[in-house]
Amino acid sequence: MTPIRRHILFLLASLICLGSCKKNFETVNAPWKDPTTASIPELFNGVISSLPLTAGEQSVFNAWIYPITQQGMITSGSYPYNNANTAAWNNYYAALANYRLIQSRISASADSASMTNVLAMLKTIMAYKTIKNTNYYGNMPYTNAGKAPLENSKAFVTTYDNQSDIYASVLADLKWAVDNLNVSSSQYSVGVYDTFLGSDIAMWKKFANSLRLRVAVTMYNKNSALAGPQITEALSKPLLADGDNIGLWPAKIAGLKFEWREWSFSANCYLRMGSTMWGLMSGTNATDGSGIFDPRAKYFFETNNAGEWAAYPQNPISSTPTEGGAPYDKSVRYINWPNKGAACIYSPFNVYFEQDMSYIPELMLTAAEVHFLKAEAYNRGIGVTANSATAKTEYDAGVTASLNFWTSIAYNSPVWTVNKPVAATATAGQISTLLTNVAYNTGTPATALKQIYAQEWIDMYRQPWDAWTLLRRTGGATPMSASNTAYYTSNFGVYNRFTYPDNEVSYNHDSWLAATGGTDLPSGKIWIMP
């Protein structure tokens, strides 16, 4: 069997293993896929293969996180809010166990110095996963987690780290990765087993440093003494540039398909374009779309069954509007695109994001977001001296990068036909019109900061979990409807975190009790929140 064929088969097996894991805490902390017999490259790819979103995440994003962030609205209830808590938890700790095993092998190696790049890449991936997981739950087992049975059976039961300490640890790991990634010929390479960034060390360094910038900016309000110098240093080193959009790209990983994405749309998905997003993309409510100034509106959403643009009220004032149809029914839409069902009155999310599993990626960190993080730093003067002109430059670059990225997605998708752009980048006219309508307010930094958050929030259209983090860490400074806020508060505003899975209560009870005091509620605030 060739190495390429072998790594493809391993990736597929790993995806199946992680996607179906529903066992208890002991199993989660145990090495999976017989890792004691696997090589370091195979284990490395096992960690990479834990990155796709779980089924539970997909369903909860579409049923809860979109309306919580107000990036979209739902017309009916579907999946329970806690549908993701076990799958996301198990996925993380299975990957952490693999990571701990690789760490132990590197430490025991007679030539551990040659493994510096491997360790730095793993630290970067686990930094991404760790921050994502702690932003879901808050405090969680970390420092001593994932070590059983490498050490002893007591490692199955471990204490929870405070989120503040987790952030500090992750930031240190990312700095180490940025400082130590190198192109020396003495470095061991996992070769084709790096199915994520193809062993491109320069790109790994950009990713690690950009992720460091995100983590430092996210935690700045809580620990400026630690975060500030990290922001300063990150801005002086290579960051993701236009065209560098980190994610899982099916076209680059043989055999990778996002079946859970399709399933989450087709089954019990009641997403519609909400009035909050619509208000940032169109100057009027004209149903013919004549008021649209942001081309991303036509990439993210569709017209209703009558061919009209209609936003679902984000916070319905009286009763819930009547809405139906089947805009995500693949058995109909894939062969008869305009047929969304006569009862589809409001604009749905674009079905191409369900249909295209061969090209459209699962995103993790975009070049546009990096521009917005830099704009925030210069707007607020965090890690750098405040500079309104530089903030505007980065803001404009972020808006442009986002528009170009989403234009390229629609253009390069092999199934995209309706509202398909004529080129892989936006036209000069489209960019100018958009920047004119969302012009940066250089005279009022507080207003301009909200503009930065708004455009970052729009760019995170397919990263609702990151938009949720942005909402929480900014104290609700992301776009929010001012109409009937009581509706939002009672239905969605009370959700600040995922609760811990039931297996934690059963198998790690004392630690869970110490962390929660016996009260584990989704309304509990996580550390990064004001």
Protein backbone atom coordinates (compact mmCIF):
# COMPACT_ATOMS: atom_id res chain seq x y z
CA MET A 1 0.00 0.00 0.00
CA THR A 2 1.46 3.39 -0.98
CA PRO A 3 1.96 6.06 1.74
CA ILE A 4 -0.58 8.37 0.08
CA ARG A 5 -3.23 5.67 -0.09
CA ARG A 6 -2.45 4.65 3.47
CA HIS A 7 -2.85 8.18 4.88
CA ILE A 8 -6.13 8.64 3.04
CA LEU A 9 -7.53 5.46 4.54
CA PHE A 10 -6.30 6.47 7.97
CA LEU A 11 -7.97 9.86 7.69
CA LEU A 12 -11.28 8.31 6.73
CA ALA A 13 -11.11 5.79 9.56
CA SER A 14 -10.27 8.56 12.01
CA LEU A 15 -13.19 10.70 10.87
CA ILE A 16 -15.58 7.80 11.34
CA CYS A 17 -14.11 7.04 14.77
CA LEU A 18 -14.35 10.61 16.06
CA GLY A 19 -17.75 11.31 14.52
CA SER A 20 -19.33 8.28 16.15
CA CYS A 21 -17.66 8.48 19.59
CA LYS A 22 -20.31 8.55 22.28
CA LYS A 23 -18.62 6.62 25.06
CA ASN A 24 -17.88 7.63 28.61
CA PHE A 25 -15.11 9.79 30.07
CA GLU A 26 -12.70 6.92 30.60
CA THR A 27 -12.94 5.99 26.93
CA VAL A 28 -12.52 9.60 25.88
CA ASN A 29 -9.26 9.88 27.80
CA ALA A 30 -7.89 6.60 26.47
CA PRO A 31 -5.83 6.52 23.27
CA TRP A 32 -8.11 5.61 20.38
CA LYS A 33 -7.52 3.73 17.15
CA ASP A 34 -4.86 1.54 18.84
CA PRO A 35 -2.42 4.48 18.97
CA THR A 36 0.33 2.49 20.70
CA THR A 37 0.91 0.68 17.40
CA ALA A 38 0.64 3.76 15.18
CA SER A 39 3.56 5.85 13.97
CA ILE A 40 4.00 9.54 14.83
CA PRO A 41 2.84 10.63 11.34
CA GLU A 42 -0.29 8.50 11.69
CA LEU A 43 -0.99 9.89 15.15
CA PHE A 44 -0.37 13.39 13.83
CA ASN A 45 -2.95 12.89 11.12
CA GLY A 46 -5.31 11.48 13.73
CA VAL A 47 -5.22 14.84 15.51
CA ILE A 48 -5.79 16.65 12.20
CA SER A 49 -8.75 14.39 11.43
CA SER A 50 -10.49 15.55 14.62
CA LEU A 51 -10.96 19.03 13.16
CA PRO A 52 -14.23 18.61 11.17
CA LEU A 53 -17.34 19.80 12.97
CA THR A 54 -19.31 17.10 14.74
CA ALA A 55 -22.93 16.36 13.90
CA GLY A 56 -24.01 17.83 17.22
CA GLU A 57 -22.20 21.09 16.51
CA GLN A 58 -23.76 21.40 13.07
CA SER A 59 -27.28 20.90 14.40
CA VAL A 60 -26.87 23.29 17.34
CA PHE A 61 -25.31 26.00 15.18
CA ASN A 62 -28.25 25.89 12.79
CA ALA A 63 -30.89 25.69 15.52
CA TRP A 64 -29.41 27.94 18.23
CA ILE A 65 -26.10 29.72 17.63
CA TYR A 66 -27.21 31.56 14.49
CA PRO A 67 -30.16 33.19 16.28
CA ILE A 68 -28.04 33.75 19.40
CA THR A 69 -25.48 35.68 17.33
CA GLN A 70 -28.29 37.15 15.19
CA GLN A 71 -26.44 36.13 12.03
CA GLY A 72 -29.67 34.37 11.10
CA MET A 73 -33.09 33.47 12.46
CA ILE A 74 -35.06 30.27 12.93
CA THR A 75 -38.72 29.90 12.11
CA SER A 76 -39.37 26.89 14.31
CA GLY A 77 -37.72 24.83 17.03
CA SER A 78 -35.67 21.81 16.03
CA TYR A 79 -32.73 20.29 17.87
CA PRO A 80 -32.25 20.67 21.64
CA TYR A 81 -29.62 23.17 22.76
CA ASN A 82 -27.51 20.50 24.50
CA ASN A 83 -27.29 18.40 21.33
CA ALA A 84 -23.61 19.28 20.89
CA ASN A 85 -22.20 19.10 24.39
CA THR A 86 -21.21 15.41 24.43
CA ALA A 87 -19.95 15.14 20.85
CA ALA A 88 -17.78 18.26 21.02
CA TRP A 89 -16.38 17.23 24.41
CA ASN A 90 -15.53 13.69 23.30
CA ASN A 91 -13.97 14.92 20.07
CA TYR A 92 -11.66 17.26 21.95
CA TYR A 93 -10.47 14.79 24.56
CA ALA A 94 -9.86 12.04 22.01
CA ALA A 95 -7.57 14.43 20.14
CA LEU A 96 -5.93 15.55 23.39
CA ALA A 97 -5.12 11.93 24.27
CA ASN A 98 -3.42 11.51 20.89
CA TYR A 99 -1.51 14.74 21.44
CA ARG A 100 -0.29 13.62 24.88
CA LEU A 101 0.88 10.33 23.43
CA ILE A 102 2.87 12.05 20.68
CA GLN A 103 4.38 14.42 23.27
CA SER A 104 5.54 11.45 25.33
CA ARG A 105 7.08 9.76 22.29
CA ILE A 106 8.92 12.93 21.29
CA SER A 107 10.23 13.39 24.83
CA ALA A 108 11.47 9.80 24.86
CA SER A 109 13.12 10.09 21.45
CA ALA A 110 16.90 10.08 21.27
CA ASP A 111 16.67 12.88 18.71
CA SER A 112 13.79 14.97 20.06
CA ALA A 113 15.31 18.16 18.64
CA SER A 114 14.47 16.93 15.14
CA MET A 115 10.81 16.80 16.17
CA THR A 116 10.52 20.54 16.94
CA ASN A 117 8.35 21.28 13.91
CA VAL A 118 6.07 18.33 14.58
CA LEU A 119 5.57 19.48 18.16
CA ALA A 120 5.02 23.10 17.09
CA MET A 121 2.40 22.10 14.54
CA LEU A 122 0.63 19.94 17.11
CA LYS A 123 0.71 22.74 19.69
CA THR A 124 -0.91 25.02 17.11
CA ILE A 125 -3.70 22.59 16.28
CA MET A 126 -4.37 21.82 19.91
CA ALA A 127 -4.30 25.55 20.73
CA TYR A 128 -7.06 26.06 18.17
CA LYS A 129 -9.11 23.16 19.51
CA THR A 130 -8.51 24.07 23.16
CA ILE A 131 -9.66 27.67 22.79
CA LYS A 132 -12.69 26.57 20.82
CA ASN A 133 -13.58 24.01 23.48
CA THR A 134 -13.07 26.29 26.47
CA ASN A 135 -15.17 28.95 24.75
CA TYR A 136 -17.95 26.36 24.56
CA TYR A 137 -17.81 25.27 28.20
CA GLY A 138 -15.67 27.69 30.22
CA ASN A 139 -13.51 25.93 32.82
CA MET A 140 -12.53 22.40 31.83
CA PRO A 141 -9.96 19.64 32.47
CA TYR A 142 -6.78 20.57 30.64
CA THR A 143 -3.38 20.48 32.34
CA ASN A 144 -3.74 16.89 33.55
CA ALA A 145 -6.34 15.70 31.04
CA GLY A 146 -5.77 13.23 28.22
CA LYS A 147 -2.91 11.44 30.01
CA ALA A 148 -4.58 8.17 30.99
CA PRO A 149 -3.41 5.47 30.72
CA LEU A 150 -0.02 6.98 29.91
CA GLU A 151 0.55 7.72 33.59
CA ASN A 152 -1.93 5.86 35.78
CA SER A 153 -5.60 5.15 36.16
CA LYS A 154 -6.07 8.20 38.39
CA ALA A 155 -5.53 10.40 35.35
CA PHE A 156 -9.01 9.40 34.18
CA VAL A 157 -10.36 11.67 36.91
CA THR A 158 -8.84 15.12 36.78
CA THR A 159 -9.56 18.62 38.02
CA TYR A 160 -10.84 21.50 35.94
CA ASP A 161 -8.53 24.35 34.95
CA ASN A 162 -9.81 27.92 35.09
CA GLN A 163 -10.40 29.40 31.66
CA SER A 164 -7.98 32.22 32.48
CA ASP A 165 -5.18 29.69 33.01
CA ILE A 166 -6.12 27.79 29.86
CA TYR A 167 -5.88 30.99 27.80
CA ALA A 168 -2.48 31.81 29.31
CA SER A 169 -1.19 28.30 28.61
CA VAL A 170 -2.43 28.33 25.02
CA LEU A 171 -0.87 31.74 24.42
CA ALA A 172 2.47 30.40 25.67
CA ASP A 173 2.18 27.36 23.38
CA LEU A 174 1.47 29.56 20.36
CA LYS A 175 4.41 31.84 21.11
CA TRP A 176 6.62 28.75 21.40
CA ALA A 177 5.33 27.44 18.07
CA VAL A 178 5.94 30.75 16.29
CA ASP A 179 9.45 31.05 17.77
CA ASN A 180 10.46 27.46 16.97
CA LEU A 181 8.97 26.54 13.60
CA ASN A 182 11.88 26.39 11.16
CA VAL A 183 12.86 25.15 7.72
CA SER A 184 16.04 23.35 8.76
CA SER A 185 16.74 20.19 6.79
CA SER A 186 17.39 18.44 10.09
CA GLN A 187 13.71 18.58 10.99
CA TYR A 188 11.66 15.40 10.80
CA SER A 189 8.73 15.67 8.39
CA VAL A 190 5.40 13.87 8.60
CA GLY A 191 5.17 14.30 4.82
CA VAL A 192 1.82 13.45 3.28
CA TYR A 193 0.36 12.82 6.73
CA ASP A 194 0.03 16.57 7.13
CA THR A 195 -3.27 16.64 5.31
CA PHE A 196 -4.02 20.08 6.78
CA LEU A 197 -1.34 22.50 5.55
CA GLY A 198 0.78 20.15 3.49
CA SER A 199 3.91 20.56 5.65
CA ASP A 200 4.15 24.22 4.56
CA ILE A 201 6.18 25.57 7.50
CA ALA A 202 5.72 29.21 6.47
CA MET A 203 1.94 28.74 6.48
CA TRP A 204 2.06 26.92 9.81
CA LYS A 205 3.93 29.89 11.29
CA LYS A 206 1.39 32.36 9.87
CA PHE A 207 -1.45 30.29 11.26
CA ALA A 208 0.13 29.99 14.71
CA ASN A 209 0.92 33.70 14.87
CA SER A 210 -2.52 34.75 13.60
CA LEU A 211 -4.15 32.44 16.11
CA ARG A 212 -1.96 34.00 18.80
CA LEU A 213 -3.24 37.45 17.77
CA ARG A 214 -6.85 36.23 17.99
CA VAL A 215 -6.35 34.67 21.42
CA ALA A 216 -4.54 37.73 22.79
CA VAL A 217 -7.16 40.18 21.50
CA THR A 218 -9.96 37.96 22.82
CA MET A 219 -8.50 37.91 26.34
CA TYR A 220 -7.17 41.49 26.41
CA ASN A 221 -9.99 42.95 28.51
CA LYS A 222 -9.39 40.27 31.13
CA ASN A 223 -5.59 40.23 31.26
CA SER A 224 -4.08 43.15 29.38
CA ALA A 225 -0.69 42.71 31.06
CA LEU A 226 -0.28 39.28 29.45
CA ALA A 227 -2.15 39.90 26.19
CA GLY A 228 -0.73 43.33 25.30
CA PRO A 229 2.90 42.26 24.69
CA GLN A 230 1.69 39.22 22.75
CA ILE A 231 -0.34 41.49 20.45
CA THR A 232 2.70 43.72 19.95
CA GLU A 233 4.90 40.75 19.07
CA ALA A 234 2.29 39.06 16.85
CA LEU A 235 1.91 42.23 14.79
CA SER A 236 5.67 42.22 14.14
CA LYS A 237 5.73 38.68 12.74
CA PRO A 238 4.15 37.01 9.67
CA LEU A 239 0.34 36.87 9.72
CA LEU A 240 -2.20 35.42 7.33
CA ALA A 241 -2.34 37.62 4.23
CA ASP A 242 -5.05 37.96 1.59
CA GLY A 243 -5.69 34.53 0.13
CA ASP A 244 -4.48 32.72 3.24
CA ASN A 245 -7.74 31.30 4.58
CA ILE A 246 -7.26 28.47 7.03
CA GLY A 247 -9.78 25.68 7.08
CA LEU A 248 -10.55 22.19 5.88
CA TRP A 249 -10.76 22.22 2.10
CA PRO A 250 -12.26 19.03 0.64
CA ALA A 251 -10.45 19.59 -2.67
CA LYS A 252 -7.11 19.42 -0.85
CA ILE A 253 -7.81 16.35 1.30
CA ALA A 254 -8.58 13.20 -0.66
CA GLY A 255 -11.77 11.50 0.47
CA LEU A 256 -12.91 14.32 2.78
CA LYS A 257 -16.64 15.07 2.65
CA PHE A 258 -18.71 16.98 5.15
CA GLU A 259 -21.74 14.70 5.39
CA TRP A 260 -22.81 16.25 8.68
CA ARG A 261 -23.14 19.65 7.02
CA GLU A 262 -25.65 18.30 4.51
CA TRP A 263 -27.51 16.42 7.23
CA SER A 264 -27.76 19.46 9.47
CA PHE A 265 -29.38 21.48 6.70
CA SER A 266 -31.70 18.86 5.29
CA ALA A 267 -33.03 17.53 8.58
CA ASN A 268 -35.02 19.94 10.75
CA CYS A 269 -33.28 23.12 9.56
CA TYR A 270 -35.47 26.21 9.83
CA LEU A 271 -32.85 28.88 9.17
CA ARG A 272 -33.76 32.09 7.39
CA MET A 273 -32.00 35.36 6.68
CA GLY A 274 -32.75 37.61 9.65
CA SER A 275 -33.52 41.30 9.60
CA THR A 276 -30.30 42.10 11.52
CA MET A 277 -28.02 40.77 8.78
CA TRP A 278 -30.28 42.15 6.04
CA GLY A 279 -30.07 45.65 7.51
CA LEU A 280 -26.28 45.59 7.12
CA MET A 281 -26.39 44.48 3.49
CA SER A 282 -29.27 46.38 1.93
CA GLY A 283 -30.22 50.05 2.15
CA THR A 284 -33.91 49.30 1.63
CA ASN A 285 -36.39 46.46 2.07
CA ALA A 286 -37.13 46.35 -1.66
CA THR A 287 -38.11 42.77 -2.43
CA ASP A 288 -36.44 42.93 -5.85
CA GLY A 289 -33.06 43.35 -4.18
CA SER A 290 -32.46 46.81 -5.65
CA GLY A 291 -31.32 48.09 -2.26
CA ILE A 292 -28.56 45.47 -1.85
CA PHE A 293 -25.12 47.11 -1.71
CA ASP A 294 -23.23 44.12 -0.31
CA PRO A 295 -22.80 41.29 -2.88
CA ARG A 296 -22.30 38.83 -0.02
CA ALA A 297 -26.06 38.99 0.59
CA LYS A 298 -26.59 37.06 -2.65
CA TYR A 299 -23.91 34.52 -1.74
CA PHE A 300 -25.10 33.89 1.81
CA PHE A 301 -28.87 33.87 1.18
CA GLU A 302 -31.52 33.26 -1.46
CA THR A 303 -34.82 34.78 -2.47
CA ASN A 304 -38.02 33.16 -1.21
CA ASN A 305 -40.12 30.86 -3.37
CA ALA A 306 -41.63 33.87 -5.16
CA GLY A 307 -38.18 35.16 -6.11
CA GLU A 308 -38.29 37.99 -3.59
CA TRP A 309 -35.88 39.13 -0.90
CA ALA A 310 -37.60 39.00 2.47
CA ALA A 311 -35.91 39.06 5.88
CA TYR A 312 -37.47 37.18 8.76
CA PRO A 313 -37.98 39.48 11.77
CA GLN A 314 -35.10 38.92 14.19
CA ASN A 315 -37.28 39.67 17.21
CA PRO A 316 -40.94 39.21 16.20
CA ILE A 317 -43.05 41.86 17.92
CA SER A 318 -46.37 40.03 18.15
CA SER A 319 -46.76 36.45 17.03
CA THR A 320 -44.27 34.30 15.17
CA PRO A 321 -44.74 34.91 11.42
CA THR A 322 -46.10 32.07 9.33
CA GLU A 323 -43.34 30.35 7.39
CA GLY A 324 -42.98 26.99 5.69
CA GLY A 325 -41.72 25.42 2.51
CA ALA A 326 -38.74 23.12 2.19
CA PRO A 327 -35.78 25.19 0.97
CA TYR A 328 -33.23 22.62 2.21
CA ASP A 329 -34.91 19.52 0.73
CA LYS A 330 -32.06 18.15 -1.34
CA SER A 331 -34.30 15.73 -3.22
CA VAL A 332 -36.02 18.76 -4.76
CA ARG A 333 -33.59 21.67 -4.61
CA TYR A 334 -30.61 19.93 -6.18
CA ILE A 335 -32.57 19.21 -9.33
CA ASN A 336 -35.06 22.10 -9.29
CA TRP A 337 -33.28 25.02 -7.61
CA PRO A 338 -36.15 27.59 -7.69
CA ASN A 339 -38.62 25.24 -5.97
CA LYS A 340 -38.46 26.03 -2.25
CA GLY A 341 -42.09 25.21 -1.56
CA ALA A 342 -44.96 27.65 -1.96
CA ALA A 343 -45.02 28.37 1.79
CA CYS A 344 -41.40 29.62 1.80
CA ILE A 345 -42.10 33.31 2.36
CA TYR A 346 -38.75 34.40 3.80
CA SER A 347 -35.24 34.20 2.35
CA PRO A 348 -33.43 31.00 3.36
CA PHE A 349 -29.71 30.42 3.75
CA ASN A 350 -28.14 29.52 0.43
CA VAL A 351 -28.64 25.83 -0.29
CA TYR A 352 -25.31 25.67 -2.09
CA PHE A 353 -23.62 25.54 1.30
CA GLU A 354 -25.48 22.29 1.86
CA GLN A 355 -25.05 20.93 -1.63
CA ASP A 356 -21.37 21.59 -2.29
CA MET A 357 -19.32 19.21 -0.18
CA SER A 358 -16.51 18.91 -2.71
CA TYR A 359 -15.19 22.48 -2.59
CA ILE A 360 -16.68 24.76 0.08
CA PRO A 361 -14.48 24.51 3.21
CA GLU A 362 -15.10 24.43 6.94
CA LEU A 363 -13.33 27.63 7.97
CA MET A 364 -11.16 28.23 11.02
CA LEU A 365 -9.38 31.56 10.55
CA THR A 366 -9.58 33.90 7.55
CA ALA A 367 -7.30 36.65 6.25
CA ALA A 368 -10.23 39.04 6.62
CA GLU A 369 -10.49 38.29 10.35
CA VAL A 370 -6.79 39.02 10.78
CA HIS A 371 -7.32 42.43 9.18
CA PHE A 372 -10.23 43.09 11.56
CA LEU A 373 -8.16 42.03 14.57
CA LYS A 374 -5.44 44.44 13.47
CA ALA A 375 -8.05 47.17 12.94
CA GLU A 376 -9.34 46.61 16.48
CA ALA A 377 -5.84 46.78 17.92
CA TYR A 378 -5.13 50.13 16.23
CA ASN A 379 -8.60 51.46 16.98
CA ARG A 380 -8.32 50.69 20.70
CA GLY A 381 -4.59 51.10 21.09
CA ILE A 382 -4.05 47.60 22.48
CA GLY A 383 -0.50 46.35 22.04
CA VAL A 384 0.17 49.34 19.78
CA THR A 385 -0.38 53.08 19.83
CA ALA A 386 -3.89 53.97 18.74
CA ASN A 387 -3.91 55.09 15.11
CA SER A 388 -7.22 55.88 13.41
CA ALA A 389 -5.71 55.97 9.92
CA THR A 390 -4.08 52.54 10.28
CA ALA A 391 -7.28 51.16 11.79
CA LYS A 392 -9.21 52.40 8.75
CA THR A 393 -6.66 50.88 6.38
CA GLU A 394 -6.99 47.49 8.06
CA TYR A 395 -10.78 47.78 8.22
CA ASP A 396 -11.03 48.54 4.51
CA ALA A 397 -8.62 45.69 3.77
CA GLY A 398 -10.75 43.33 5.88
CA VAL A 399 -13.98 44.25 4.10
CA THR A 400 -12.26 43.84 0.74
CA ALA A 401 -10.65 40.51 1.69
CA SER A 402 -13.98 39.18 2.94
CA LEU A 403 -15.85 40.20 -0.20
CA ASN A 404 -13.16 38.72 -2.42
CA PHE A 405 -13.10 35.48 -0.43
CA TRP A 406 -16.83 34.88 -0.58
CA THR A 407 -16.87 35.87 -4.24
CA SER A 408 -14.20 33.23 -4.90
CA ILE A 409 -16.23 30.62 -3.04
CA ALA A 410 -19.29 31.24 -5.22
CA TYR A 411 -17.22 31.46 -8.39
CA ASN A 412 -15.17 28.31 -7.81
CA SER A 413 -17.97 26.11 -6.51
CA PRO A 414 -18.75 23.53 -9.22
CA VAL A 415 -22.46 23.42 -8.32
CA TRP A 416 -23.08 27.16 -8.00
CA THR A 417 -25.17 28.60 -10.85
CA VAL A 418 -27.69 31.13 -9.47
CA ASN A 419 -26.12 34.51 -8.59
CA LYS A 420 -22.74 33.17 -9.62
CA PRO A 421 -20.13 35.95 -9.91
CA VAL A 422 -18.41 36.57 -13.22
CA ALA A 423 -14.91 36.33 -11.75
CA ALA A 424 -13.10 34.92 -8.72
CA THR A 425 -12.68 38.38 -7.21
CA ALA A 426 -15.12 41.26 -6.76
CA THR A 427 -15.09 44.07 -9.28
CA ALA A 428 -13.62 47.45 -8.41
CA GLY A 429 -17.15 48.87 -8.56
CA GLN A 430 -18.50 46.32 -6.10
CA ILE A 431 -15.68 46.99 -3.66
CA SER A 432 -16.08 50.76 -3.95
CA THR A 433 -19.87 50.59 -3.45
CA LEU A 434 -19.52 48.39 -0.39
CA LEU A 435 -16.80 50.51 1.22
CA THR A 436 -18.85 53.65 0.58
CA ASN A 437 -21.90 52.18 2.31
CA VAL A 438 -19.92 50.90 5.31
CA ALA A 439 -17.41 53.78 5.45
CA TYR A 440 -15.19 53.72 8.52
CA ASN A 441 -15.95 56.47 11.02
CA THR A 442 -12.49 57.92 11.68
CA GLY A 443 -13.88 60.67 13.88
CA THR A 444 -15.57 58.49 16.50
CA PRO A 445 -13.48 55.50 17.64
CA ALA A 446 -16.34 53.89 19.62
CA THR A 447 -18.61 53.93 16.57
CA ALA A 448 -15.79 52.72 14.35
CA LEU A 449 -15.08 49.84 16.73
CA LYS A 450 -18.65 48.63 16.35
CA GLN A 451 -18.20 48.82 12.58
CA ILE A 452 -15.14 46.58 12.86
CA TYR A 453 -17.10 44.07 14.93
CA ALA A 454 -20.01 44.20 12.48
CA GLN A 455 -17.87 43.38 9.45
CA GLU A 456 -15.97 40.69 11.33
CA TRP A 457 -19.34 39.23 12.36
CA ILE A 458 -20.52 39.23 8.73
CA ASP A 459 -17.33 37.52 7.57
CA MET A 460 -17.95 34.82 10.19
CA TYR A 461 -21.14 33.80 8.40
CA ARG A 462 -19.98 30.16 8.33
CA GLN A 463 -18.17 30.38 11.68
CA PRO A 464 -21.09 31.07 14.03
CA TRP A 465 -19.15 29.63 16.99
CA ASP A 466 -16.53 32.35 16.51
CA ALA A 467 -19.20 35.01 16.13
CA TRP A 468 -20.64 33.74 19.42
CA THR A 469 -17.24 34.25 21.05
CA LEU A 470 -17.04 37.75 19.57
CA LEU A 471 -20.51 38.54 20.92
CA ARG A 472 -19.62 37.34 24.40
CA ARG A 473 -16.15 38.84 24.75
CA THR A 474 -17.31 42.28 23.51
CA GLY A 475 -20.28 42.39 25.88
CA GLY A 476 -22.84 42.34 23.08
CA ALA A 477 -21.19 44.91 20.80
CA THR A 478 -21.88 42.83 17.69
CA PRO A 479 -24.96 43.70 15.57
CA MET A 480 -28.22 43.31 17.48
CA SER A 481 -31.79 44.24 16.62
CA ALA A 482 -33.13 47.07 18.78
CA SER A 483 -36.69 45.84 18.23
CA ASN A 484 -38.38 43.85 20.99
CA THR A 485 -35.16 43.02 22.83
CA ALA A 486 -37.19 41.22 25.49
CA TYR A 487 -37.96 38.51 22.92
CA TYR A 488 -34.26 37.98 22.24
CA THR A 489 -33.33 38.00 25.91
CA SER A 490 -35.89 35.40 26.91
CA ASN A 491 -35.38 33.10 23.92
CA PHE A 492 -31.69 33.35 23.08
CA GLY A 493 -29.86 35.86 25.25
CA VAL A 494 -29.68 33.52 28.23
CA TYR A 495 -27.32 31.11 26.46
CA ASN A 496 -23.69 31.83 27.28
CA ARG A 497 -22.11 28.38 27.21
CA PHE A 498 -22.64 24.66 26.72
CA THR A 499 -23.32 22.63 29.84
CA TYR A 500 -20.97 19.74 30.62
CA PRO A 501 -21.93 16.31 29.25
CA ASP A 502 -23.69 13.87 31.56
CA ASN A 503 -20.67 11.58 31.53
CA GLU A 504 -18.70 14.20 33.45
CA VAL A 505 -21.27 14.10 36.21
CA SER A 506 -21.06 10.30 36.35
CA TYR A 507 -17.34 9.63 35.92
CA ASN A 508 -15.61 12.83 37.04
CA HIS A 509 -18.17 13.89 39.60
CA ASP A 510 -15.96 15.38 42.31
CA SER A 511 -14.10 17.56 39.82
CA TRP A 512 -17.34 18.54 38.12
CA LEU A 513 -18.85 19.43 41.51
CA ALA A 514 -15.83 21.54 42.46
CA ALA A 515 -16.04 23.40 39.14
CA THR A 516 -19.79 24.00 39.14
CA GLY A 517 -20.84 23.94 42.78
CA GLY A 518 -23.52 21.53 41.61
CA THR A 519 -25.15 24.12 39.34
CA ASP A 520 -24.36 23.77 35.66
CA LEU A 521 -26.43 26.22 33.62
CA PRO A 522 -26.10 27.54 30.05
CA SER A 523 -26.65 31.04 31.43
CA GLY A 524 -23.40 30.90 33.41
CA LYS A 525 -20.79 33.36 32.19
CA ILE A 526 -17.42 32.19 30.92
CA TRP A 527 -14.24 34.06 31.89
CA ILE A 528 -13.83 36.13 28.71
CA MET A 529 -17.22 37.80 29.23
CA PRO A 530 -17.50 41.21 30.96
